[in-house]
mmCIF file of all heavy atoms, coordinates in Angstrom:
data_MODEL
# 
_entry.id   MODEL 
# 
loop_
_atom_site.group_PDB 
_atom_site.id 
_atom_site.type_symbol 
_atom_site.label_atom_id 
_atom_site.label_alt_id 
_atom_site.label_comp_id 
_atom_site.label_asym_id 
_atom_site.label_entity_id 
_atom_site.label_seq_id 
_atom_site.pdbx_PDB_ins_code 
_atom_site.Cartn_x 
_atom_site.Cartn_y 
_atom_site.Cartn_z 
_atom_site.occupancy 
_atom_site.B_iso_or_equiv 
_atom_site.pdbx_formal_charge 
_atom_site.auth_seq_id 
_atom_site.auth_comp_id 
_atom_site.auth_asym_id 
_atom_site.auth_atom_id 
_atom_site.pdbx_PDB_model_num 
ATOM 1   N N   . VAL A 1 1  ? 72.161 -15.288 58.560 1.00 0.00 ? 1  VAL A N   1 
ATOM 2   C CA  . VAL A 1 1  ? 70.824 -15.022 59.066 1.00 0.00 ? 1  VAL A CA  1 
ATOM 3   C C   . VAL A 1 1  ? 70.570 -16.037 60.171 1.00 0.00 ? 1  VAL A C   1 
ATOM 4   O O   . VAL A 1 1  ? 70.580 -17.233 59.931 1.00 0.00 ? 1  VAL A O   1 
ATOM 5   C CB  . VAL A 1 1  ? 69.770 -15.181 57.950 1.00 0.00 ? 1  VAL A CB  1 
ATOM 6   C CG1 . VAL A 1 1  ? 68.388 -14.873 58.499 1.00 0.00 ? 1  VAL A CG1 1 
ATOM 7   C CG2 . VAL A 1 1  ? 70.102 -14.279 56.778 1.00 0.00 ? 1  VAL A CG2 1 
ATOM 8   N N   . VAL A 1 2  ? 70.369 -15.547 61.369 1.00 0.00 ? 2  VAL A N   1 
ATOM 9   C CA  . VAL A 1 2  ? 70.345 -16.431 62.520 1.00 0.00 ? 2  VAL A CA  1 
ATOM 10  C C   . VAL A 1 2  ? 68.956 -16.454 63.127 1.00 0.00 ? 2  VAL A C   1 
ATOM 11  O O   . VAL A 1 2  ? 68.266 -15.437 63.160 1.00 0.00 ? 2  VAL A O   1 
ATOM 12  C CB  . VAL A 1 2  ? 71.352 -15.918 63.576 1.00 0.00 ? 2  VAL A CB  1 
ATOM 13  C CG1 . VAL A 1 2  ? 71.527 -16.947 64.671 1.00 0.00 ? 2  VAL A CG1 1 
ATOM 14  C CG2 . VAL A 1 2  ? 72.689 -15.611 62.945 1.00 0.00 ? 2  VAL A CG2 1 
ATOM 15  N N   . ASP A 1 3  ? 68.548 -17.612 63.594 1.00 0.00 ? 3  ASP A N   1 
ATOM 16  C CA  . ASP A 1 3  ? 67.276 -17.722 64.309 1.00 0.00 ? 3  ASP A CA  1 
ATOM 17  C C   . ASP A 1 3  ? 67.398 -16.953 65.616 1.00 0.00 ? 3  ASP A C   1 
ATOM 18  O O   . ASP A 1 3  ? 68.182 -17.299 66.485 1.00 0.00 ? 3  ASP A O   1 
ATOM 19  C CB  . ASP A 1 3  ? 66.999 -19.208 64.588 1.00 0.00 ? 3  ASP A CB  1 
ATOM 20  C CG  . ASP A 1 3  ? 65.715 -19.403 65.388 1.00 0.00 ? 3  ASP A CG  1 
ATOM 21  O OD1 . ASP A 1 3  ? 65.100 -18.401 65.777 1.00 0.00 ? 3  ASP A OD1 1 
ATOM 22  O OD2 . ASP A 1 3  ? 65.345 -20.563 65.614 1.00 0.00 ? 3  ASP A OD2 1 
ATOM 23  N N   . SER A 1 4  ? 66.591 -15.881 65.749 1.00 0.00 ? 4  SER A N   1 
ATOM 24  C CA  . SER A 1 4  ? 66.747 -14.979 66.893 1.00 0.00 ? 4  SER A CA  1 
ATOM 25  C C   . SER A 1 4  ? 66.447 -15.658 68.213 1.00 0.00 ? 4  SER A C   1 
ATOM 26  O O   . SER A 1 4  ? 66.952 -15.276 69.245 1.00 0.00 ? 4  SER A O   1 
ATOM 27  C CB  . SER A 1 4  ? 65.829 -13.764 66.726 1.00 0.00 ? 4  SER A CB  1 
ATOM 28  O OG  . SER A 1 4  ? 64.491 -14.149 66.827 1.00 0.00 ? 4  SER A OG  1 
ATOM 29  N N   . THR A 1 5  ? 65.605 -16.686 68.199 1.00 0.00 ? 5  THR A N   1 
ATOM 30  C CA  . THR A 1 5  ? 65.267 -17.346 69.458 1.00 0.00 ? 5  THR A CA  1 
ATOM 31  C C   . THR A 1 5  ? 66.484 -18.070 70.022 1.00 0.00 ? 5  THR A C   1 
ATOM 32  O O   . THR A 1 5  ? 66.594 -18.267 71.219 1.00 0.00 ? 5  THR A O   1 
ATOM 33  C CB  . THR A 1 5  ? 64.122 -18.359 69.248 1.00 0.00 ? 5  THR A CB  1 
ATOM 34  O OG1 . THR A 1 5  ? 64.474 -19.221 68.184 1.00 0.00 ? 5  THR A OG1 1 
ATOM 35  C CG2 . THR A 1 5  ? 62.823 -17.659 68.935 1.00 0.00 ? 5  THR A CG2 1 
ATOM 36  N N   . LEU A 1 6  ? 67.415 -18.483 69.132 1.00 0.00 ? 6  LEU A N   1 
ATOM 37  C CA  . LEU A 1 6  ? 68.604 -19.183 69.596 1.00 0.00 ? 6  LEU A CA  1 
ATOM 38  C C   . LEU A 1 6  ? 69.759 -18.220 69.837 1.00 0.00 ? 6  LEU A C   1 
ATOM 39  O O   . LEU A 1 6  ? 70.633 -18.496 70.637 1.00 0.00 ? 6  LEU A O   1 
ATOM 40  C CB  . LEU A 1 6  ? 69.051 -20.210 68.528 1.00 0.00 ? 6  LEU A CB  1 
ATOM 41  C CG  . LEU A 1 6  ? 68.012 -21.250 68.107 1.00 0.00 ? 6  LEU A CG  1 
ATOM 42  C CD1 . LEU A 1 6  ? 68.559 -22.095 66.981 1.00 0.00 ? 6  LEU A CD1 1 
ATOM 43  C CD2 . LEU A 1 6  ? 67.639 -22.119 69.300 1.00 0.00 ? 6  LEU A CD2 1 
ATOM 44  N N   . SER A 1 7  ? 69.762 -17.116 69.134 1.00 0.00 ? 7  SER A N   1 
ATOM 45  C CA  . SER A 1 7  ? 70.998 -16.378 68.999 1.00 0.00 ? 7  SER A CA  1 
ATOM 46  C C   . SER A 1 7  ? 71.094 -15.091 69.766 1.00 0.00 ? 7  SER A C   1 
ATOM 47  O O   . SER A 1 7  ? 72.163 -14.588 69.966 1.00 0.00 ? 7  SER A O   1 
ATOM 48  C CB  . SER A 1 7  ? 71.142 -15.967 67.555 1.00 0.00 ? 7  SER A CB  1 
ATOM 49  O OG  . SER A 1 7  ? 70.206 -14.953 67.312 1.00 0.00 ? 7  SER A OG  1 
ATOM 50  N N   . GLY A 1 8  ? 69.956 -14.519 70.114 1.00 0.00 ? 8  GLY A N   1 
ATOM 51  C CA  . GLY A 1 8  ? 70.051 -13.134 70.542 1.00 0.00 ? 8  GLY A CA  1 
ATOM 52  C C   . GLY A 1 8  ? 70.384 -12.271 69.335 1.00 0.00 ? 8  GLY A C   1 
ATOM 53  O O   . GLY A 1 8  ? 71.313 -11.480 69.360 1.00 0.00 ? 8  GLY A O   1 
ATOM 54  N N   . ALA A 1 9  ? 69.657 -12.462 68.225 1.00 0.00 ? 9  ALA A N   1 
ATOM 55  C CA  . ALA A 1 9  ? 69.812 -11.566 67.071 1.00 0.00 ? 9  ALA A CA  1 
ATOM 56  C C   . ALA A 1 9  ? 69.474 -10.155 67.514 1.00 0.00 ? 9  ALA A C   1 
ATOM 57  O O   . ALA A 1 9  ? 68.746 -9.969  68.485 1.00 0.00 ? 9  ALA A O   1 
ATOM 58  C CB  . ALA A 1 9  ? 68.860 -12.000 65.957 1.00 0.00 ? 9  ALA A CB  1 
ATOM 59  N N   . PRO A 1 10 ? 69.981 -9.138  66.807 1.00 0.00 ? 10 PRO A N   1 
ATOM 60  C CA  . PRO A 1 10 ? 69.655 -7.768  67.207 1.00 0.00 ? 10 PRO A CA  1 
ATOM 61  C C   . PRO A 1 10 ? 68.150 -7.525  67.165 1.00 0.00 ? 10 PRO A C   1 
ATOM 62  O O   . PRO A 1 10 ? 67.436 -8.165  66.393 1.00 0.00 ? 10 PRO A O   1 
ATOM 63  C CB  . PRO A 1 10 ? 70.383 -6.912  66.168 1.00 0.00 ? 10 PRO A CB  1 
ATOM 64  C CG  . PRO A 1 10 ? 70.733 -7.818  65.049 1.00 0.00 ? 10 PRO A CG  1 
ATOM 65  C CD  . PRO A 1 10 ? 70.837 -9.192  65.621 1.00 0.00 ? 10 PRO A CD  1 
ATOM 66  N N   . MET A 1 11 ? 67.684 -6.627  68.017 1.00 0.00 ? 11 MET A N   1 
ATOM 67  C CA  . MET A 1 11 ? 66.252 -6.325  68.040 1.00 0.00 ? 11 MET A CA  1 
ATOM 68  C C   . MET A 1 11 ? 65.847 -5.588  66.761 1.00 0.00 ? 11 MET A C   1 
ATOM 69  O O   . MET A 1 11 ? 64.765 -5.795  66.233 1.00 0.00 ? 11 MET A O   1 
ATOM 70  C CB  . MET A 1 11 ? 65.923 -5.489  69.279 1.00 0.00 ? 11 MET A CB  1 
ATOM 71  C CG  . MET A 1 11 ? 64.436 -5.310  69.489 1.00 0.00 ? 11 MET A CG  1 
ATOM 72  S SD  . MET A 1 11 ? 63.527 -6.856  69.636 1.00 0.00 ? 11 MET A SD  1 
ATOM 73  C CE  . MET A 1 11 ? 63.761 -7.209  71.364 1.00 0.00 ? 11 MET A CE  1 
ATOM 74  N N   . ILE A 1 12 ? 66.722 -4.706  66.276 1.00 0.00 ? 12 ILE A N   1 
ATOM 75  C CA  . ILE A 1 12 ? 66.495 -4.030  64.993 1.00 0.00 ? 12 ILE A CA  1 
ATOM 76  C C   . ILE A 1 12 ? 67.746 -4.214  64.148 1.00 0.00 ? 12 ILE A C   1 
ATOM 77  O O   . ILE A 1 12 ? 68.856 -4.008  64.642 1.00 0.00 ? 12 ILE A O   1 
ATOM 78  C CB  . ILE A 1 12 ? 66.250 -2.517  65.183 1.00 0.00 ? 12 ILE A CB  1 
ATOM 79  C CG1 . ILE A 1 12 ? 65.051 -2.259  66.104 1.00 0.00 ? 12 ILE A CG1 1 
ATOM 80  C CG2 . ILE A 1 12 ? 66.040 -1.821  63.828 1.00 0.00 ? 12 ILE A CG2 1 
ATOM 81  C CD1 . ILE A 1 12 ? 64.915 -0.795  66.522 1.00 0.00 ? 12 ILE A CD1 1 
ATOM 82  N N   . ALA A 1 13 ? 67.559 -4.610  62.901 1.00 0.00 ? 13 ALA A N   1 
ATOM 83  C CA  . ALA A 1 13 ? 68.688 -4.713  61.973 1.00 0.00 ? 13 ALA A CA  1 
ATOM 84  C C   . ALA A 1 13 ? 68.276 -4.088  60.644 1.00 0.00 ? 13 ALA A C   1 
ATOM 85  O O   . ALA A 1 13 ? 67.345 -4.570  59.997 1.00 0.00 ? 13 ALA A O   1 
ATOM 86  C CB  . ALA A 1 13 ? 69.104 -6.163  61.777 1.00 0.00 ? 13 ALA A CB  1 
ATOM 87  N N   . MET A 1 14 ? 68.949 -3.015  60.276 1.00 0.00 ? 14 MET A N   1 
ATOM 88  C CA  . MET A 1 14 ? 68.723 -2.371  58.974 1.00 0.00 ? 14 MET A CA  1 
ATOM 89  C C   . MET A 1 14 ? 69.956 -2.638  58.128 1.00 0.00 ? 14 MET A C   1 
ATOM 90  O O   . MET A 1 14 ? 71.081 -2.372  58.557 1.00 0.00 ? 14 MET A O   1 
ATOM 91  C CB  . MET A 1 14 ? 68.523 -0.863  59.137 1.00 0.00 ? 14 MET A CB  1 
ATOM 92  C CG  . MET A 1 14 ? 67.399 -0.488  60.086 1.00 0.00 ? 14 MET A CG  1 
ATOM 93  S SD  . MET A 1 14 ? 67.214 1.326   60.279 1.00 0.00 ? 14 MET A SD  1 
ATOM 94  C CE  . MET A 1 14 ? 66.389 1.764   58.740 1.00 0.00 ? 14 MET A CE  1 
ATOM 95  N N   . GLU A 1 15 ? 69.732 -3.169  56.928 1.00 0.00 ? 15 GLU A N   1 
ATOM 96  C CA  . GLU A 1 15 ? 70.857 -3.477  56.045 1.00 0.00 ? 15 GLU A CA  1 
ATOM 97  C C   . GLU A 1 15 ? 70.656 -2.836  54.686 1.00 0.00 ? 15 GLU A C   1 
ATOM 98  O O   . GLU A 1 15 ? 69.649 -3.091  54.018 1.00 0.00 ? 15 GLU A O   1 
ATOM 99  C CB  . GLU A 1 15 ? 71.015 -4.997  55.884 1.00 0.00 ? 15 GLU A CB  1 
ATOM 100 C CG  . GLU A 1 15 ? 71.525 -5.682  57.131 1.00 0.00 ? 15 GLU A CG  1 
ATOM 101 C CD  . GLU A 1 15 ? 71.857 -7.151  56.895 1.00 0.00 ? 15 GLU A CD  1 
ATOM 102 O OE1 . GLU A 1 15 ? 71.941 -7.557  55.715 1.00 0.00 ? 15 GLU A OE1 1 
ATOM 103 O OE2 . GLU A 1 15 ? 72.025 -7.869  57.886 1.00 0.00 ? 15 GLU A OE2 1 
ATOM 104 N N   . ALA A 1 16 ? 71.608 -2.004  54.299 1.00 0.00 ? 16 ALA A N   1 
ATOM 105 C CA  . ALA A 1 16 ? 71.631 -1.385  52.961 1.00 0.00 ? 16 ALA A CA  1 
ATOM 106 C C   . ALA A 1 16 ? 70.292 -0.753  52.596 1.00 0.00 ? 16 ALA A C   1 
ATOM 107 O O   . ALA A 1 16 ? 69.795 -0.916  51.483 1.00 0.00 ? 16 ALA A O   1 
ATOM 108 C CB  . ALA A 1 16 ? 72.045 -2.413  51.907 1.00 0.00 ? 16 ALA A CB  1 
ATOM 109 N N   . VAL A 1 17 ? 69.701 -0.022  53.539 1.00 0.00 ? 17 VAL A N   1 
ATOM 110 C CA  . VAL A 1 17 ? 68.377 0.574   53.319 1.00 0.00 ? 17 VAL A CA  1 
ATOM 111 C C   . VAL A 1 17 ? 68.500 1.889   52.553 1.00 0.00 ? 17 VAL A C   1 
ATOM 112 O O   . VAL A 1 17 ? 69.257 2.788   52.946 1.00 0.00 ? 17 VAL A O   1 
ATOM 113 C CB  . VAL A 1 17 ? 67.641 0.802   54.663 1.00 0.00 ? 17 VAL A CB  1 
ATOM 114 C CG1 . VAL A 1 17 ? 66.382 1.639   54.464 1.00 0.00 ? 17 VAL A CG1 1 
ATOM 115 C CG2 . VAL A 1 17 ? 67.294 -0.544  55.307 1.00 0.00 ? 17 VAL A CG2 1 
ATOM 116 N N   . ASN A 1 18 ? 67.746 1.986   51.456 1.00 0.00 ? 18 ASN A N   1 
ATOM 117 C CA  . ASN A 1 18 ? 67.688 3.208   50.658 1.00 0.00 ? 18 ASN A CA  1 
ATOM 118 C C   . ASN A 1 18 ? 66.247 3.668   50.526 1.00 0.00 ? 18 ASN A C   1 
ATOM 119 O O   . ASN A 1 18 ? 65.328 2.858   50.439 1.00 0.00 ? 18 ASN A O   1 
ATOM 120 C CB  . ASN A 1 18 ? 68.272 2.969   49.261 1.00 0.00 ? 18 ASN A CB  1 
ATOM 121 C CG  . ASN A 1 18 ? 69.784 2.937   49.281 1.00 0.00 ? 18 ASN A CG  1 
ATOM 122 O OD1 . ASN A 1 18 ? 70.440 3.964   49.240 1.00 0.00 ? 18 ASN A OD1 1 
ATOM 123 N ND2 . ASN A 1 18 ? 70.348 1.735   49.383 1.00 0.00 ? 18 ASN A ND2 1 
ATOM 124 N N   . LYS A 1 19 ? 66.085 4.978   50.491 1.00 0.00 ? 19 LYS A N   1 
ATOM 125 C CA  . LYS A 1 19 ? 64.749 5.563   50.362 1.00 0.00 ? 19 LYS A CA  1 
ATOM 126 C C   . LYS A 1 19 ? 64.860 6.868   49.572 1.00 0.00 ? 19 LYS A C   1 
ATOM 127 O O   . LYS A 1 19 ? 65.729 7.690   49.844 1.00 0.00 ? 19 LYS A O   1 
ATOM 128 C CB  . LYS A 1 19 ? 64.183 5.828   51.773 1.00 0.00 ? 19 LYS A CB  1 
ATOM 129 C CG  . LYS A 1 19 ? 62.973 6.752   51.830 1.00 0.00 ? 19 LYS A CG  1 
ATOM 130 C CD  . LYS A 1 19 ? 61.709 6.035   51.449 1.00 0.00 ? 19 LYS A CD  1 
ATOM 131 C CE  . LYS A 1 19 ? 60.499 6.949   51.521 1.00 0.00 ? 19 LYS A CE  1 
ATOM 132 N NZ  . LYS A 1 19 ? 59.322 6.319   50.912 1.00 0.00 ? 19 LYS A NZ  1 
ATOM 133 N N   . HIS A 1 20 ? 63.981 7.018   48.601 1.00 0.00 ? 20 HIS A N   1 
ATOM 134 C CA  . HIS A 1 20 ? 63.904 8.262   47.835 1.00 0.00 ? 20 HIS A CA  1 
ATOM 135 C C   . HIS A 1 20 ? 62.531 8.901   48.013 1.00 0.00 ? 20 HIS A C   1 
ATOM 136 O O   . HIS A 1 20 ? 61.526 8.206   48.123 1.00 0.00 ? 20 HIS A O   1 
ATOM 137 C CB  . HIS A 1 20 ? 64.096 8.000   46.330 1.00 0.00 ? 20 HIS A CB  1 
ATOM 138 C CG  . HIS A 1 20 ? 65.466 7.520   45.956 1.00 0.00 ? 20 HIS A CG  1 
ATOM 139 N ND1 . HIS A 1 20 ? 65.879 6.212   46.162 1.00 0.00 ? 20 HIS A ND1 1 
ATOM 140 C CD2 . HIS A 1 20 ? 66.520 8.175   45.387 1.00 0.00 ? 20 HIS A CD2 1 
ATOM 141 C CE1 . HIS A 1 20 ? 67.130 6.087   45.733 1.00 0.00 ? 20 HIS A CE1 1 
ATOM 142 N NE2 . HIS A 1 20 ? 67.542 7.250   45.267 1.00 0.00 ? 20 HIS A NE2 1 
ATOM 143 N N   . PHE A 1 21 ? 62.496 10.212  48.052 1.00 0.00 ? 21 PHE A N   1 
ATOM 144 C CA  . PHE A 1 21 ? 61.251 10.958  47.822 1.00 0.00 ? 21 PHE A CA  1 
ATOM 145 C C   . PHE A 1 21 ? 61.432 11.638  46.474 1.00 0.00 ? 21 PHE A C   1 
ATOM 146 O O   . PHE A 1 21 ? 62.131 12.646  46.377 1.00 0.00 ? 21 PHE A O   1 
ATOM 147 C CB  . PHE A 1 21 ? 61.016 12.015  48.911 1.00 0.00 ? 21 PHE A CB  1 
ATOM 148 C CG  . PHE A 1 21 ? 60.642 11.439  50.259 1.00 0.00 ? 21 PHE A CG  1 
ATOM 149 C CD1 . PHE A 1 21 ? 61.347 11.780  51.397 1.00 0.00 ? 21 PHE A CD1 1 
ATOM 150 C CD2 . PHE A 1 21 ? 59.568 10.563  50.381 1.00 0.00 ? 21 PHE A CD2 1 
ATOM 151 C CE1 . PHE A 1 21 ? 61.003 11.261  52.642 1.00 0.00 ? 21 PHE A CE1 1 
ATOM 152 C CE2 . PHE A 1 21 ? 59.213 10.040  51.626 1.00 0.00 ? 21 PHE A CE2 1 
ATOM 153 C CZ  . PHE A 1 21 ? 59.935 10.388  52.757 1.00 0.00 ? 21 PHE A CZ  1 
ATOM 154 N N   . GLY A 1 22 ? 60.856 11.049  45.426 1.00 0.00 ? 22 GLY A N   1 
ATOM 155 C CA  . GLY A 1 22 ? 61.105 11.585  44.082 1.00 0.00 ? 22 GLY A CA  1 
ATOM 156 C C   . GLY A 1 22 ? 62.589 11.472  43.766 1.00 0.00 ? 22 GLY A C   1 
ATOM 157 O O   . GLY A 1 22 ? 63.193 10.410  43.907 1.00 0.00 ? 22 GLY A O   1 
ATOM 158 N N   . SER A 1 23 ? 63.207 12.592  43.383 1.00 0.00 ? 23 SER A N   1 
ATOM 159 C CA  . SER A 1 23 ? 64.640 12.559  43.038 1.00 0.00 ? 23 SER A CA  1 
ATOM 160 C C   . SER A 1 23 ? 65.533 12.755  44.265 1.00 0.00 ? 23 SER A C   1 
ATOM 161 O O   . SER A 1 23 ? 66.753 12.681  44.173 1.00 0.00 ? 23 SER A O   1 
ATOM 162 C CB  . SER A 1 23 ? 64.948 13.649  42.006 1.00 0.00 ? 23 SER A CB  1 
ATOM 163 O OG  . SER A 1 23 ? 64.641 14.915  42.564 1.00 0.00 ? 23 SER A OG  1 
ATOM 164 N N   . LEU A 1 24 ? 64.913 12.994  45.428 1.00 0.00 ? 24 LEU A N   1 
ATOM 165 C CA  . LEU A 1 24 ? 65.689 13.231  46.653 1.00 0.00 ? 24 LEU A CA  1 
ATOM 166 C C   . LEU A 1 24 ? 66.022 11.898  47.316 1.00 0.00 ? 24 LEU A C   1 
ATOM 167 O O   . LEU A 1 24 ? 65.134 11.107  47.636 1.00 0.00 ? 24 LEU A O   1 
ATOM 168 C CB  . LEU A 1 24 ? 64.854 14.097  47.604 1.00 0.00 ? 24 LEU A CB  1 
ATOM 169 C CG  . LEU A 1 24 ? 65.581 14.780  48.750 1.00 0.00 ? 24 LEU A CG  1 
ATOM 170 C CD1 . LEU A 1 24 ? 66.633 15.752  48.226 1.00 0.00 ? 24 LEU A CD1 1 
ATOM 171 C CD2 . LEU A 1 24 ? 64.571 15.506  49.622 1.00 0.00 ? 24 LEU A CD2 1 
ATOM 172 N N   . HIS A 1 25 ? 67.311 11.659  47.499 1.00 0.00 ? 25 HIS A N   1 
ATOM 173 C CA  . HIS A 1 25 ? 67.784 10.409  48.104 1.00 0.00 ? 25 HIS A CA  1 
ATOM 174 C C   . HIS A 1 25 ? 67.879 10.642  49.616 1.00 0.00 ? 25 HIS A C   1 
ATOM 175 O O   . HIS A 1 25 ? 68.871 11.151  50.113 1.00 0.00 ? 25 HIS A O   1 
ATOM 176 C CB  . HIS A 1 25 ? 69.156 10.061  47.509 1.00 0.00 ? 25 HIS A CB  1 
ATOM 177 C CG  . HIS A 1 25 ? 69.559 8.636   47.732 1.00 0.00 ? 25 HIS A CG  1 
ATOM 178 N ND1 . HIS A 1 25 ? 70.686 8.089   47.156 1.00 0.00 ? 25 HIS A ND1 1 
ATOM 179 C CD2 . HIS A 1 25 ? 69.001 7.639   48.459 1.00 0.00 ? 25 HIS A CD2 1 
ATOM 180 C CE1 . HIS A 1 25 ? 70.798 6.821   47.522 1.00 0.00 ? 25 HIS A CE1 1 
ATOM 181 N NE2 . HIS A 1 25 ? 69.789 6.530   48.321 1.00 0.00 ? 25 HIS A NE2 1 
ATOM 182 N N   . VAL A 1 26 ? 66.823 10.260  50.361 1.00 0.00 ? 26 VAL A N   1 
ATOM 183 C CA  . VAL A 1 26 ? 66.742 10.675  51.771 1.00 0.00 ? 26 VAL A CA  1 
ATOM 184 C C   . VAL A 1 26 ? 67.401 9.700   52.743 1.00 0.00 ? 26 VAL A C   1 
ATOM 185 O O   . VAL A 1 26 ? 67.793 10.084  53.838 1.00 0.00 ? 26 VAL A O   1 
ATOM 186 C CB  . VAL A 1 26 ? 65.280 10.942  52.219 1.00 0.00 ? 26 VAL A CB  1 
ATOM 187 C CG1 . VAL A 1 26 ? 64.760 12.218  51.628 1.00 0.00 ? 26 VAL A CG1 1 
ATOM 188 C CG2 . VAL A 1 26 ? 64.375 9.778   51.888 1.00 0.00 ? 26 VAL A CG2 1 
ATOM 189 N N   . LEU A 1 27 ? 67.503 8.419   52.358 1.00 0.00 ? 27 LEU A N   1 
ATOM 190 C CA  . LEU A 1 27 ? 68.275 7.460   53.155 1.00 0.00 ? 27 LEU A CA  1 
ATOM 191 C C   . LEU A 1 27 ? 69.241 6.747   52.223 1.00 0.00 ? 27 LEU A C   1 
ATOM 192 O O   . LEU A 1 27 ? 68.834 6.154   51.234 1.00 0.00 ? 27 LEU A O   1 
ATOM 193 C CB  . LEU A 1 27 ? 67.357 6.433   53.837 1.00 0.00 ? 27 LEU A CB  1 
ATOM 194 C CG  . LEU A 1 27 ? 66.423 6.937   54.939 1.00 0.00 ? 27 LEU A CG  1 
ATOM 195 C CD1 . LEU A 1 27 ? 65.566 5.792   55.475 1.00 0.00 ? 27 LEU A CD1 1 
ATOM 196 C CD2 . LEU A 1 27 ? 67.176 7.622   56.074 1.00 0.00 ? 27 LEU A CD2 1 
ATOM 197 N N   . LYS A 1 28 ? 70.534 6.806   52.564 1.00 0.00 ? 28 LYS A N   1 
ATOM 198 C CA  . LYS A 1 28 ? 71.565 6.277   51.666 1.00 0.00 ? 28 LYS A CA  1 
ATOM 199 C C   . LYS A 1 28 ? 72.304 5.118   52.331 1.00 0.00 ? 28 LYS A C   1 
ATOM 200 O O   . LYS A 1 28 ? 73.101 5.325   53.254 1.00 0.00 ? 28 LYS A O   1 
ATOM 201 C CB  . LYS A 1 28 ? 72.569 7.389   51.333 1.00 0.00 ? 28 LYS A CB  1 
ATOM 202 C CG  . LYS A 1 28 ? 71.938 8.593   50.650 1.00 0.00 ? 28 LYS A CG  1 
ATOM 203 C CD  . LYS A 1 28 ? 72.939 9.741   50.496 1.00 0.00 ? 28 LYS A CD  1 
ATOM 204 C CE  . LYS A 1 28 ? 72.270 10.963  49.893 1.00 0.00 ? 28 LYS A CE  1 
ATOM 205 N NZ  . LYS A 1 28 ? 73.150 12.147  49.918 1.00 0.00 ? 28 LYS A NZ  1 
# 
């Protein structure tokens, strides 16, 4: 995990994101 001000960290970083709507697994 890097300090973005020093590193040029990515503008968006999604890691292992999961999302369900009820029993529907919409983001895996």
